[in-house]
Amino acid sequence: MGRIAGVTAAETRERLLRAAADVFARRGYDGTRVADIAAAAGVSNGALYAHFGSKAGLLVAALGAHGRRLMDGLFADDPDRPVADLLVAAGRRLPRPLDAGGDLVVEALAAARRDEDVALPMRDYVGERARRLAGLVRAGQDGGELDHALSPEAVAHFCLLLAMGSALVAPDPHQVDEEEWARLLIRVVAALSPAPPHEGTP
């Protein structure tokens, strides 16, 4: 199972990332061997190591690919969508049952507590996510949707805490009605908007 004929290096990498997300989610980080992921992707162990230096690096890379797909999916339908709407749309997904990507978040967070090889790339991953979210907040501030008095880094940190915390809380027995959750999110995001001018203020 070396390089597959007719498959580019980019396609092989994508195949490995998807296989890793599935195998890590099913077997856990500690229960997964590099050979398991290579077999699921249909490549050799050597081909895997040619793309990723270690099992830890592959775990975080798979998590990063999942996160990028989520963010890109939010923008795909309407690239000019208001930032406040994007925050609400992203937040509405949080109480739903986890998919393989959500299980991957749990595995990565747990492994990072025990394994420094995972902790280091996870810090980079979280930092990259925070920077991207902070950039989104700045865009909302520049467009007049979000209050300039708020720290973009603080808002990004708050969003990350919600997202990662939701991965650790099973939907049952704490399931919340979707519309009730949406109303709460809308209220929270509205609080990030610029304060209306006082009456009589030009």
N, C-alpha and C. Protein backbone atom coordinates (compact mmCIF):
# COMPACT_ATOMS: atom_id res chain seq x y z
N MET A 1 0.84 -1.20 0.00
CA MET A 1 0.00 0.00 0.00
C MET A 1 0.87 1.25 0.00
N GLY A 2 1.60 1.48 -1.08
CA GLY A 2 2.36 2.69 -1.20
C GLY A 2 1.49 3.79 -1.77
N ARG A 3 2.10 4.67 -2.54
CA ARG A 3 1.34 5.73 -3.17
C ARG A 3 0.38 5.13 -4.19
N ILE A 4 -0.86 5.58 -4.19
CA ILE A 4 -1.88 5.03 -5.07
C ILE A 4 -1.74 5.67 -6.44
N ALA A 5 -1.75 4.82 -7.48
CA ALA A 5 -1.60 5.33 -8.84
C ALA A 5 -2.73 6.29 -9.17
N GLY A 6 -2.36 7.41 -9.80
CA GLY A 6 -3.36 8.38 -10.22
C GLY A 6 -3.85 9.30 -9.13
N VAL A 7 -3.33 9.17 -7.91
CA VAL A 7 -3.75 10.00 -6.79
C VAL A 7 -2.63 10.98 -6.46
N THR A 8 -2.95 12.25 -6.42
CA THR A 8 -1.93 13.27 -6.15
C THR A 8 -1.56 13.28 -4.67
N ALA A 9 -0.45 13.97 -4.37
CA ALA A 9 -0.02 14.09 -2.97
C ALA A 9 -1.08 14.81 -2.15
N ALA A 10 -1.71 15.83 -2.73
CA ALA A 10 -2.76 16.57 -2.00
C ALA A 10 -3.95 15.67 -1.71
N GLU A 11 -4.31 14.83 -2.68
CA GLU A 11 -5.44 13.90 -2.47
C GLU A 11 -5.09 12.85 -1.42
N THR A 12 -3.84 12.39 -1.43
CA THR A 12 -3.41 11.42 -0.42
C THR A 12 -3.48 12.04 0.98
N ARG A 13 -3.03 13.28 1.10
CA ARG A 13 -3.07 13.98 2.38
C ARG A 13 -4.52 14.12 2.87
N GLU A 14 -5.41 14.50 1.97
CA GLU A 14 -6.81 14.66 2.35
C GLU A 14 -7.40 13.32 2.76
N ARG A 15 -7.04 12.26 2.05
CA ARG A 15 -7.53 10.93 2.41
C ARG A 15 -7.04 10.53 3.80
N LEU A 16 -5.79 10.84 4.11
CA LEU A 16 -5.23 10.53 5.43
C LEU A 16 -5.94 11.33 6.53
N LEU A 17 -6.21 12.60 6.26
CA LEU A 17 -6.89 13.43 7.26
C LEU A 17 -8.28 12.90 7.57
N ARG A 18 -9.01 12.51 6.55
CA ARG A 18 -10.36 11.99 6.77
C ARG A 18 -10.32 10.64 7.48
N ALA A 19 -9.38 9.79 7.09
CA ALA A 19 -9.25 8.50 7.76
C ALA A 19 -8.86 8.69 9.22
N ALA A 20 -7.95 9.62 9.48
CA ALA A 20 -7.52 9.88 10.86
C ALA A 20 -8.68 10.37 11.72
N ALA A 21 -9.48 11.30 11.18
CA ALA A 21 -10.62 11.81 11.94
C ALA A 21 -11.55 10.68 12.32
N ASP A 22 -11.81 9.77 11.38
CA ASP A 22 -12.73 8.66 11.65
C ASP A 22 -12.14 7.68 12.66
N VAL A 23 -10.88 7.28 12.46
CA VAL A 23 -10.27 6.26 13.34
C VAL A 23 -10.04 6.81 14.75
N PHE A 24 -9.53 8.03 14.87
CA PHE A 24 -9.34 8.62 16.19
C PHE A 24 -10.67 8.73 16.93
N ALA A 25 -11.74 9.13 16.22
CA ALA A 25 -13.04 9.28 16.86
C ALA A 25 -13.58 7.93 17.36
N ARG A 26 -13.32 6.87 16.60
CA ARG A 26 -13.84 5.55 16.98
C ARG A 26 -12.99 4.86 18.04
N ARG A 27 -11.68 4.97 17.93
CA ARG A 27 -10.79 4.19 18.80
C ARG A 27 -10.10 5.02 19.88
N GLY A 28 -10.19 6.34 19.77
CA GLY A 28 -9.47 7.19 20.71
C GLY A 28 -8.02 7.34 20.31
N TYR A 29 -7.39 8.37 20.85
CA TYR A 29 -6.00 8.63 20.48
C TYR A 29 -5.08 7.50 20.94
N ASP A 30 -5.21 7.10 22.19
CA ASP A 30 -4.32 6.07 22.74
C ASP A 30 -4.56 4.71 22.08
N GLY A 31 -5.80 4.46 21.66
CA GLY A 31 -6.13 3.16 21.06
C GLY A 31 -5.87 3.07 19.57
N THR A 32 -5.37 4.14 18.99
CA THR A 32 -5.13 4.17 17.54
C THR A 32 -3.65 4.03 17.24
N ARG A 33 -3.33 3.17 16.30
CA ARG A 33 -1.96 3.03 15.81
C ARG A 33 -1.85 3.72 14.45
N VAL A 34 -0.65 4.15 14.13
CA VAL A 34 -0.41 4.75 12.82
C VAL A 34 -0.85 3.77 11.72
N ALA A 35 -0.58 2.48 11.92
CA ALA A 35 -0.95 1.47 10.92
C ALA A 35 -2.45 1.42 10.70
N ASP A 36 -3.24 1.69 11.76
CA ASP A 36 -4.70 1.68 11.61
C ASP A 36 -5.15 2.78 10.66
N ILE A 37 -4.56 3.95 10.79
CA ILE A 37 -4.94 5.09 9.95
C ILE A 37 -4.47 4.85 8.52
N ALA A 38 -3.24 4.37 8.37
CA ALA A 38 -2.72 4.09 7.03
C ALA A 38 -3.59 3.07 6.31
N ALA A 39 -3.99 2.02 7.03
CA ALA A 39 -4.84 1.00 6.41
C ALA A 39 -6.20 1.57 6.01
N ALA A 40 -6.78 2.41 6.88
CA ALA A 40 -8.08 3.01 6.57
C ALA A 40 -7.99 3.93 5.36
N ALA A 41 -6.83 4.57 5.18
CA ALA A 41 -6.63 5.47 4.04
C ALA A 41 -6.17 4.73 2.79
N GLY A 42 -5.77 3.47 2.96
CA GLY A 42 -5.31 2.69 1.81
C GLY A 42 -3.91 3.02 1.38
N VAL A 43 -3.06 3.45 2.33
CA VAL A 43 -1.67 3.78 2.00
C VAL A 43 -0.74 3.05 2.99
N SER A 44 0.55 3.15 2.73
CA SER A 44 1.53 2.53 3.62
C SER A 44 1.84 3.45 4.80
N ASN A 45 2.44 2.87 5.85
CA ASN A 45 2.89 3.70 6.98
C ASN A 45 3.89 4.75 6.50
N GLY A 46 4.76 4.37 5.56
CA GLY A 46 5.74 5.32 5.05
C GLY A 46 5.09 6.50 4.37
N ALA A 47 4.01 6.23 3.63
CA ALA A 47 3.31 7.33 2.96
C ALA A 47 2.70 8.27 3.99
N LEU A 48 2.20 7.70 5.09
CA LEU A 48 1.65 8.55 6.15
C LEU A 48 2.73 9.45 6.74
N TYR A 49 3.87 8.85 7.06
CA TYR A 49 4.95 9.64 7.67
C TYR A 49 5.54 10.66 6.68
N ALA A 50 5.37 10.41 5.39
CA ALA A 50 5.84 11.39 4.40
C ALA A 50 5.03 12.67 4.46
N HIS A 51 3.78 12.56 4.93
CA HIS A 51 2.90 13.74 5.02
C HIS A 51 2.83 14.30 6.44
N PHE A 52 2.96 13.44 7.43
CA PHE A 52 2.82 13.86 8.82
C PHE A 52 3.93 13.23 9.64
N GLY A 53 4.57 14.03 10.46
CA GLY A 53 5.74 13.55 11.18
C GLY A 53 5.46 12.61 12.32
N SER A 54 4.22 12.62 12.83
CA SER A 54 3.91 11.80 14.00
C SER A 54 2.41 11.60 14.11
N LYS A 55 2.02 10.68 14.98
CA LYS A 55 0.60 10.48 15.25
C LYS A 55 -0.01 11.73 15.86
N ALA A 56 0.74 12.40 16.74
CA ALA A 56 0.24 13.62 17.38
C ALA A 56 0.01 14.72 16.33
N GLY A 57 0.96 14.86 15.42
CA GLY A 57 0.81 15.86 14.38
C GLY A 57 -0.38 15.59 13.48
N LEU A 58 -0.63 14.31 13.21
CA LEU A 58 -1.77 13.93 12.38
C LEU A 58 -3.09 14.22 13.10
N LEU A 59 -3.13 13.97 14.41
CA LEU A 59 -4.35 14.25 15.18
C LEU A 59 -4.71 15.73 15.08
N VAL A 60 -3.75 16.59 15.31
CA VAL A 60 -4.04 18.03 15.30
C VAL A 60 -4.32 18.51 13.88
N ALA A 61 -3.63 17.94 12.89
CA ALA A 61 -3.90 18.32 11.50
C ALA A 61 -5.31 17.93 11.09
N ALA A 62 -5.76 16.74 11.53
CA ALA A 62 -7.13 16.31 11.23
C ALA A 62 -8.14 17.23 11.91
N LEU A 63 -7.84 17.64 13.13
CA LEU A 63 -8.72 18.56 13.84
C LEU A 63 -8.76 19.91 13.13
N GLY A 64 -7.60 20.39 12.68
CA GLY A 64 -7.55 21.65 11.97
C GLY A 64 -8.34 21.61 10.66
N ALA A 65 -8.25 20.49 9.94
CA ALA A 65 -8.99 20.35 8.68
C ALA A 65 -10.49 20.37 8.94
N HIS A 66 -10.91 19.70 10.02
CA HIS A 66 -12.33 19.70 10.38
C HIS A 66 -12.80 21.11 10.71
N GLY A 67 -12.00 21.85 11.48
CA GLY A 67 -12.37 23.21 11.85
C GLY A 67 -12.46 24.12 10.65
N ARG A 68 -11.53 23.97 9.71
CA ARG A 68 -11.56 24.81 8.50
C ARG A 68 -12.80 24.51 7.67
N ARG A 69 -13.19 23.22 7.58
CA ARG A 69 -14.39 22.87 6.82
C ARG A 69 -15.62 23.50 7.44
N LEU A 70 -15.69 23.53 8.77
CA LEU A 70 -16.83 24.15 9.44
C LEU A 70 -16.89 25.64 9.13
N MET A 71 -15.76 26.33 9.27
CA MET A 71 -15.73 27.77 9.02
C MET A 71 -16.03 28.08 7.55
N ASP A 72 -15.43 27.31 6.64
CA ASP A 72 -15.66 27.54 5.23
C ASP A 72 -17.12 27.29 4.87
N GLY A 73 -17.73 26.30 5.54
CA GLY A 73 -19.14 26.01 5.30
C GLY A 73 -20.04 27.16 5.70
N LEU A 74 -19.69 27.85 6.77
CA LEU A 74 -20.48 28.99 7.21
C LEU A 74 -20.45 30.12 6.18
N PHE A 75 -19.30 30.31 5.54
CA PHE A 75 -19.15 31.39 4.57
C PHE A 75 -19.65 31.01 3.17
N ALA A 76 -19.74 29.69 2.90
CA ALA A 76 -19.97 29.24 1.52
C ALA A 76 -21.28 29.77 0.94
N ASP A 77 -22.37 29.68 1.71
CA ASP A 77 -23.68 30.04 1.17
C ASP A 77 -23.82 31.54 0.93
N ASP A 78 -23.23 32.34 1.82
CA ASP A 78 -23.38 33.79 1.72
C ASP A 78 -22.11 34.46 2.23
N PRO A 79 -21.14 34.70 1.32
CA PRO A 79 -19.86 35.27 1.76
C PRO A 79 -20.00 36.64 2.42
N ASP A 80 -21.08 37.37 2.11
CA ASP A 80 -21.28 38.71 2.67
C ASP A 80 -22.19 38.72 3.89
N ARG A 81 -22.40 37.56 4.45
CA ARG A 81 -23.28 37.43 5.61
C ARG A 81 -22.75 38.27 6.77
N PRO A 82 -23.62 38.98 7.48
CA PRO A 82 -23.15 39.78 8.63
C PRO A 82 -22.44 38.91 9.66
N VAL A 83 -21.43 39.45 10.30
CA VAL A 83 -20.65 38.71 11.29
C VAL A 83 -21.54 38.25 12.44
N ALA A 84 -22.46 39.09 12.88
CA ALA A 84 -23.35 38.70 13.98
C ALA A 84 -24.16 37.46 13.60
N ASP A 85 -24.63 37.39 12.36
CA ASP A 85 -25.38 36.22 11.91
C ASP A 85 -24.50 34.98 11.89
N LEU A 86 -23.23 35.15 11.47
CA LEU A 86 -22.30 34.01 11.46
C LEU A 86 -22.09 33.46 12.87
N LEU A 87 -21.94 34.35 13.85
CA LEU A 87 -21.74 33.91 15.23
C LEU A 87 -22.95 33.14 15.74
N VAL A 88 -24.14 33.62 15.41
CA VAL A 88 -25.36 32.92 15.84
C VAL A 88 -25.46 31.56 15.13
N ALA A 89 -25.18 31.54 13.81
CA ALA A 89 -25.26 30.29 13.06
C ALA A 89 -24.28 29.25 13.60
N ALA A 90 -23.06 29.68 13.91
CA ALA A 90 -22.07 28.76 14.47
C ALA A 90 -22.51 28.27 15.84
N GLY A 91 -23.04 29.17 16.66
CA GLY A 91 -23.46 28.81 18.00
C GLY A 91 -24.65 27.86 18.03
N ARG A 92 -25.51 27.95 17.02
CA ARG A 92 -26.69 27.08 16.99
C ARG A 92 -26.32 25.60 16.89
N ARG A 93 -25.13 25.32 16.38
CA ARG A 93 -24.71 23.92 16.22
C ARG A 93 -24.21 23.30 17.53
N LEU A 94 -23.89 24.12 18.49
CA LEU A 94 -23.16 23.62 19.66
C LEU A 94 -23.91 22.55 20.47
N PRO A 95 -25.22 22.68 20.73
CA PRO A 95 -25.85 21.65 21.57
C PRO A 95 -26.16 20.35 20.83
N ARG A 96 -25.92 20.29 19.53
CA ARG A 96 -26.29 19.10 18.78
C ARG A 96 -25.35 17.94 19.09
N PRO A 97 -25.82 16.70 18.87
CA PRO A 97 -24.94 15.54 19.10
C PRO A 97 -23.68 15.65 18.26
N LEU A 98 -22.58 15.16 18.79
CA LEU A 98 -21.29 15.26 18.12
C LEU A 98 -21.24 14.40 16.87
N ASP A 99 -20.58 14.91 15.84
CA ASP A 99 -20.20 14.08 14.70
C ASP A 99 -18.77 13.62 14.94
N ALA A 100 -18.18 12.99 13.91
CA ALA A 100 -16.80 12.50 14.09
C ALA A 100 -15.85 13.64 14.42
N GLY A 101 -16.10 14.81 13.83
CA GLY A 101 -15.25 15.96 14.12
C GLY A 101 -15.34 16.41 15.55
N GLY A 102 -16.55 16.37 16.11
CA GLY A 102 -16.72 16.73 17.52
C GLY A 102 -16.03 15.75 18.44
N ASP A 103 -16.12 14.45 18.11
CA ASP A 103 -15.40 13.45 18.90
C ASP A 103 -13.89 13.67 18.82
N LEU A 104 -13.45 14.14 17.67
CA LEU A 104 -12.02 14.42 17.48
C LEU A 104 -11.56 15.54 18.41
N VAL A 105 -12.40 16.55 18.61
CA VAL A 105 -12.08 17.63 19.54
C VAL A 105 -11.86 17.07 20.94
N VAL A 106 -12.78 16.19 21.37
CA VAL A 106 -12.68 15.59 22.70
C VAL A 106 -11.39 14.81 22.83
N GLU A 107 -11.07 14.00 21.83
CA GLU A 107 -9.85 13.20 21.86
C GLU A 107 -8.61 14.08 21.93
N ALA A 108 -8.59 15.14 21.14
CA ALA A 108 -7.43 16.02 21.12
C ALA A 108 -7.25 16.74 22.45
N LEU A 109 -8.35 17.21 23.03
CA LEU A 109 -8.27 17.90 24.32
C LEU A 109 -7.79 16.96 25.42
N ALA A 110 -8.32 15.74 25.42
CA ALA A 110 -7.92 14.76 26.44
C ALA A 110 -6.47 14.35 26.26
N ALA A 111 -6.06 14.10 25.01
CA ALA A 111 -4.68 13.67 24.76
C ALA A 111 -3.69 14.77 25.11
N ALA A 112 -4.08 16.04 24.88
CA ALA A 112 -3.19 17.15 25.17
C ALA A 112 -2.90 17.27 26.65
N ARG A 113 -3.81 16.79 27.50
CA ARG A 113 -3.59 16.83 28.95
C ARG A 113 -2.54 15.83 29.38
N ARG A 114 -2.36 14.75 28.59
CA ARG A 114 -1.47 13.66 28.99
C ARG A 114 -0.17 13.62 28.22
N ASP A 115 -0.19 14.16 27.01
CA ASP A 115 0.92 13.92 26.08
C ASP A 115 1.45 15.26 25.57
N GLU A 116 2.67 15.59 25.91
CA GLU A 116 3.26 16.86 25.49
C GLU A 116 3.40 16.93 23.97
N ASP A 117 3.54 15.78 23.31
CA ASP A 117 3.62 15.77 21.85
C ASP A 117 2.32 16.26 21.21
N VAL A 118 1.21 16.06 21.91
CA VAL A 118 -0.08 16.57 21.43
C VAL A 118 -0.29 17.99 21.93
N ALA A 119 0.13 18.27 23.15
CA ALA A 119 -0.12 19.58 23.76
C ALA A 119 0.51 20.71 22.94
N LEU A 120 1.71 20.51 22.44
CA LEU A 120 2.39 21.58 21.70
C LEU A 120 1.65 21.95 20.41
N PRO A 121 1.34 20.97 19.53
CA PRO A 121 0.59 21.36 18.33
C PRO A 121 -0.83 21.82 18.64
N MET A 122 -1.43 21.34 19.75
CA MET A 122 -2.76 21.80 20.12
C MET A 122 -2.74 23.27 20.50
N ARG A 123 -1.67 23.71 21.17
CA ARG A 123 -1.57 25.13 21.50
C ARG A 123 -1.51 25.97 20.22
N ASP A 124 -0.77 25.47 19.24
CA ASP A 124 -0.71 26.17 17.96
C ASP A 124 -2.08 26.19 17.28
N TYR A 125 -2.77 25.06 17.34
CA TYR A 125 -4.10 24.96 16.72
C TYR A 125 -5.08 25.93 17.38
N VAL A 126 -5.11 25.93 18.71
CA VAL A 126 -6.03 26.82 19.42
C VAL A 126 -5.67 28.28 19.14
N GLY A 127 -4.37 28.57 19.09
CA GLY A 127 -3.94 29.93 18.79
C GLY A 127 -4.37 30.37 17.41
N GLU A 128 -4.26 29.47 16.43
CA GLU A 128 -4.68 29.81 15.07
C GLU A 128 -6.18 30.05 15.01
N ARG A 129 -6.97 29.21 15.71
CA ARG A 129 -8.42 29.39 15.74
C ARG A 129 -8.77 30.72 16.40
N ALA A 130 -8.07 31.04 17.48
CA ALA A 130 -8.35 32.30 18.18
C ALA A 130 -8.04 33.49 17.28
N ARG A 131 -6.93 33.42 16.54
CA ARG A 131 -6.58 34.53 15.64
C ARG A 131 -7.61 34.69 14.53
N ARG A 132 -8.10 33.57 14.01
CA ARG A 132 -9.10 33.66 12.93
C ARG A 132 -10.40 34.25 13.46
N LEU A 133 -10.81 33.81 14.64
CA LEU A 133 -12.04 34.36 15.23
C LEU A 133 -11.88 35.84 15.56
N ALA A 134 -10.71 36.20 16.10
CA ALA A 134 -10.47 37.61 16.42
C ALA A 134 -10.50 38.46 15.15
N GLY A 135 -10.00 37.92 14.04
CA GLY A 135 -10.07 38.63 12.78
C GLY A 135 -11.50 38.83 12.31
N LEU A 136 -12.33 37.82 12.55
CA LEU A 136 -13.75 37.94 12.22
C LEU A 136 -14.41 39.03 13.06
N VAL A 137 -14.07 39.07 14.34
CA VAL A 137 -14.62 40.10 15.23
C VAL A 137 -14.18 41.49 14.76
N ARG A 138 -12.90 41.64 14.40
CA ARG A 138 -12.42 42.94 13.91
C ARG A 138 -13.17 43.37 12.65
N ALA A 139 -13.46 42.40 11.77
CA ALA A 139 -14.23 42.73 10.57
C ALA A 139 -15.62 43.23 10.95
N GLY A 140 -16.22 42.61 11.97
CA GLY A 140 -17.52 43.07 12.44
C GLY A 140 -17.45 44.45 13.06
N GLN A 141 -16.35 44.73 13.76
CA GLN A 141 -16.17 46.07 14.34
C GLN A 141 -15.97 47.11 13.24
N ASP A 142 -15.18 46.77 12.24
CA ASP A 142 -14.94 47.71 11.15
C ASP A 142 -16.22 48.00 10.37
N GLY A 143 -17.12 47.00 10.31
CA GLY A 143 -18.38 47.18 9.61
C GLY A 143 -19.47 47.80 10.46
N GLY A 144 -19.14 48.12 11.71
CA GLY A 144 -20.11 48.76 12.59
C GLY A 144 -21.09 47.82 13.27
N GLU A 145 -20.88 46.48 13.11
CA GLU A 145 -21.80 45.51 13.72
C GLU A 145 -21.47 45.24 15.18
N LEU A 146 -20.19 45.26 15.51
CA LEU A 146 -19.74 44.91 16.85
C LEU A 146 -19.05 46.10 17.50
N ASP A 147 -19.14 46.15 18.81
CA ASP A 147 -18.65 47.29 19.58
C ASP A 147 -17.12 47.34 19.56
N HIS A 148 -16.57 48.49 19.17
CA HIS A 148 -15.11 48.67 19.16
C HIS A 148 -14.52 48.63 20.57
N ALA A 149 -15.34 48.82 21.59
CA ALA A 149 -14.83 48.81 22.96
C ALA A 149 -14.47 47.40 23.43
N LEU A 150 -14.94 46.40 22.70
CA LEU A 150 -14.68 45.00 23.08
C LEU A 150 -13.34 44.54 22.51
N SER A 151 -12.63 43.74 23.29
CA SER A 151 -11.38 43.14 22.81
C SER A 151 -11.71 41.99 21.86
N PRO A 152 -11.24 42.02 20.60
CA PRO A 152 -11.47 40.89 19.70
C PRO A 152 -10.93 39.58 20.26
N GLU A 153 -9.77 39.68 20.95
CA GLU A 153 -9.19 38.47 21.54
C GLU A 153 -10.08 37.90 22.64
N ALA A 154 -10.70 38.77 23.44
CA ALA A 154 -11.58 38.30 24.51
C ALA A 154 -12.83 37.65 23.92
N VAL A 155 -13.41 38.25 22.89
CA VAL A 155 -14.59 37.66 22.25
C VAL A 155 -14.23 36.32 21.63
N ALA A 156 -13.08 36.24 20.96
CA ALA A 156 -12.63 34.99 20.36
C ALA A 156 -12.44 33.92 21.43
N HIS A 157 -11.85 34.29 22.55
CA HIS A 157 -11.63 33.33 23.64
C HIS A 157 -12.96 32.82 24.18
N PHE A 158 -13.93 33.72 24.33
CA PHE A 158 -15.26 33.34 24.79
C PHE A 158 -15.90 32.33 23.83
N CYS A 159 -15.78 32.59 22.54
CA CYS A 159 -16.34 31.68 21.54
C CYS A 159 -15.67 30.31 21.59
N LEU A 160 -14.35 30.30 21.74
CA LEU A 160 -13.63 29.03 21.83
C LEU A 160 -14.02 28.23 23.06
N LEU A 161 -14.19 28.93 24.19
CA LEU A 161 -14.61 28.24 25.40
C LEU A 161 -15.97 27.57 25.21
N LEU A 162 -16.91 28.29 24.57
CA LEU A 162 -18.22 27.71 24.31
C LEU A 162 -18.11 26.49 23.40
N ALA A 163 -17.34 26.63 22.31
CA ALA A 163 -17.23 25.55 21.34
C ALA A 163 -16.57 24.31 21.93
N MET A 164 -15.46 24.50 22.63
CA MET A 164 -14.75 23.34 23.18
C MET A 164 -15.48 22.76 24.38
N GLY A 165 -16.12 23.62 25.16
CA GLY A 165 -16.92 23.12 26.27
C GLY A 165 -18.09 22.29 25.79
N SER A 166 -18.71 22.70 24.67
CA SER A 166 -19.86 21.96 24.16
C SER A 166 -19.47 20.56 23.72
N ALA A 167 -18.21 20.40 23.28
CA ALA A 167 -17.75 19.07 22.87
C ALA A 167 -17.62 18.12 24.05
N LEU A 168 -17.45 18.68 25.24
CA LEU A 168 -17.26 17.85 26.43
C LEU A 168 -18.56 17.55 27.17
N VAL A 169 -19.64 18.26 26.82
CA VAL A 169 -20.93 18.05 27.49
C VAL A 169 -21.84 17.27 26.54
N ALA A 170 -22.22 16.06 26.94
CA ALA A 170 -23.10 15.26 26.10
C ALA A 170 -24.46 15.95 25.98
N PRO A 171 -25.11 15.86 24.80
CA PRO A 171 -26.38 16.55 24.61
C PRO A 171 -27.48 16.08 25.54
N ASP A 172 -27.48 14.84 25.95
CA ASP A 172 -28.46 14.31 26.89
C ASP A 172 -27.78 14.01 28.21
N PRO A 173 -28.40 14.28 29.37
CA PRO A 173 -29.78 14.75 29.55
C PRO A 173 -29.90 16.27 29.58
N HIS A 174 -28.94 16.99 29.03
CA HIS A 174 -28.94 18.45 29.10
C HIS A 174 -29.44 19.08 27.80
N GLN A 175 -30.18 18.32 27.01
CA GLN A 175 -30.63 18.84 25.73
C GLN A 175 -31.50 20.08 25.93
N VAL A 176 -31.21 21.11 25.14
CA VAL A 176 -31.95 22.36 25.20
C VAL A 176 -32.73 22.50 23.91
N ASP A 177 -33.96 23.00 24.01
CA ASP A 177 -34.76 23.26 22.82
C ASP A 177 -34.00 24.19 21.88
N GLU A 178 -33.97 23.85 20.59
CA GLU A 178 -33.16 24.61 19.63
C GLU A 178 -33.58 26.07 19.54
N GLU A 179 -34.87 26.33 19.58
CA GLU A 179 -35.33 27.71 19.47
C GLU A 179 -35.02 28.51 20.74
N GLU A 180 -35.13 27.86 21.90
CA GLU A 180 -34.76 28.54 23.14
C GLU A 180 -33.26 28.87 23.14
N TRP A 181 -32.46 27.94 22.64
CA TRP A 181 -31.01 28.17 22.55
C TRP A 181 -30.72 29.31 21.58
N ALA A 182 -31.43 29.33 20.44
CA ALA A 182 -31.22 30.38 19.45
C ALA A 182 -31.58 31.75 20.03
N ARG A 183 -32.65 31.83 20.80
CA ARG A 183 -33.04 33.11 21.40
C ARG A 183 -31.97 33.61 22.36
N LEU A 184 -31.38 32.69 23.11
CA LEU A 184 -30.30 33.07 24.03
C LEU A 184 -29.09 33.58 23.24
N LEU A 185 -28.72 32.87 22.17
CA LEU A 185 -27.57 33.28 21.36
C LEU A 185 -27.79 34.67 20.76
N ILE A 186 -28.98 34.90 20.24
CA ILE A 186 -29.28 36.20 19.64
C ILE A 186 -29.13 37.31 20.68
N ARG A 187 -29.59 37.03 21.91
CA ARG A 187 -29.46 38.02 22.99
C ARG A 187 -27.99 38.27 23.32
N VAL A 188 -27.19 37.20 23.37
CA VAL A 188 -25.76 37.35 23.70
C VAL A 188 -25.05 38.13 22.60
N VAL A 189 -25.29 37.76 21.34
CA VAL A 189 -24.63 38.45 20.23
C VAL A 189 -25.07 39.91 20.16
N ALA A 190 -26.35 40.17 20.45
CA ALA A 190 -26.84 41.55 20.45
C ALA A 190 -26.08 42.40 21.47
N ALA A 191 -25.66 41.77 22.57
CA ALA A 191 -24.92 42.50 23.60
C ALA A 191 -23.53 42.91 23.12
N LEU A 192 -23.06 42.31 22.02
CA LEU A 192 -21.77 42.68 21.45
C LEU A 192 -21.87 43.87 20.50
N SER A 193 -23.09 44.28 20.20
CA SER A 193 -23.30 45.37 19.25
C SER A 193 -22.98 46.70 19.90
N PRO A 194 -22.66 47.72 19.10
CA PRO A 194 -22.40 49.04 19.67
C PRO A 194 -23.62 49.56 20.44
N ALA A 195 -23.36 50.23 21.55
CA ALA A 195 -24.46 50.78 22.33
C ALA A 195 -25.15 51.88 21.53
N PRO A 196 -26.49 51.93 21.56
CA PRO A 196 -27.19 53.00 20.82
C PRO A 196 -26.85 54.36 21.43
N PRO A 197 -26.82 55.40 20.62
CA PRO A 197 -26.51 56.73 21.16
C PRO A 197 -27.60 57.18 22.13
N HIS A 198 -27.19 57.93 23.17
CA HIS A 198 -28.16 58.45 24.13
C HIS A 198 -29.07 59.44 23.42
N GLU A 199 -30.28 59.51 23.92
CA GLU A 199 -31.25 60.42 23.33
C GLU A 199 -30.71 61.85 23.38
N GLY A 200 -30.76 62.54 22.28
CA GLY A 200 -30.27 63.92 22.22
C GLY A 200 -28.83 63.99 21.75
N THR A 201 -28.15 62.83 21.66
CA THR A 201 -26.76 62.83 21.16
C THR A 201 -26.76 62.91 19.65
N PRO A 202 -26.05 63.83 19.05
CA PRO A 202 -26.07 63.97 17.58
C PRO A 202 -25.44 62.73 16.92
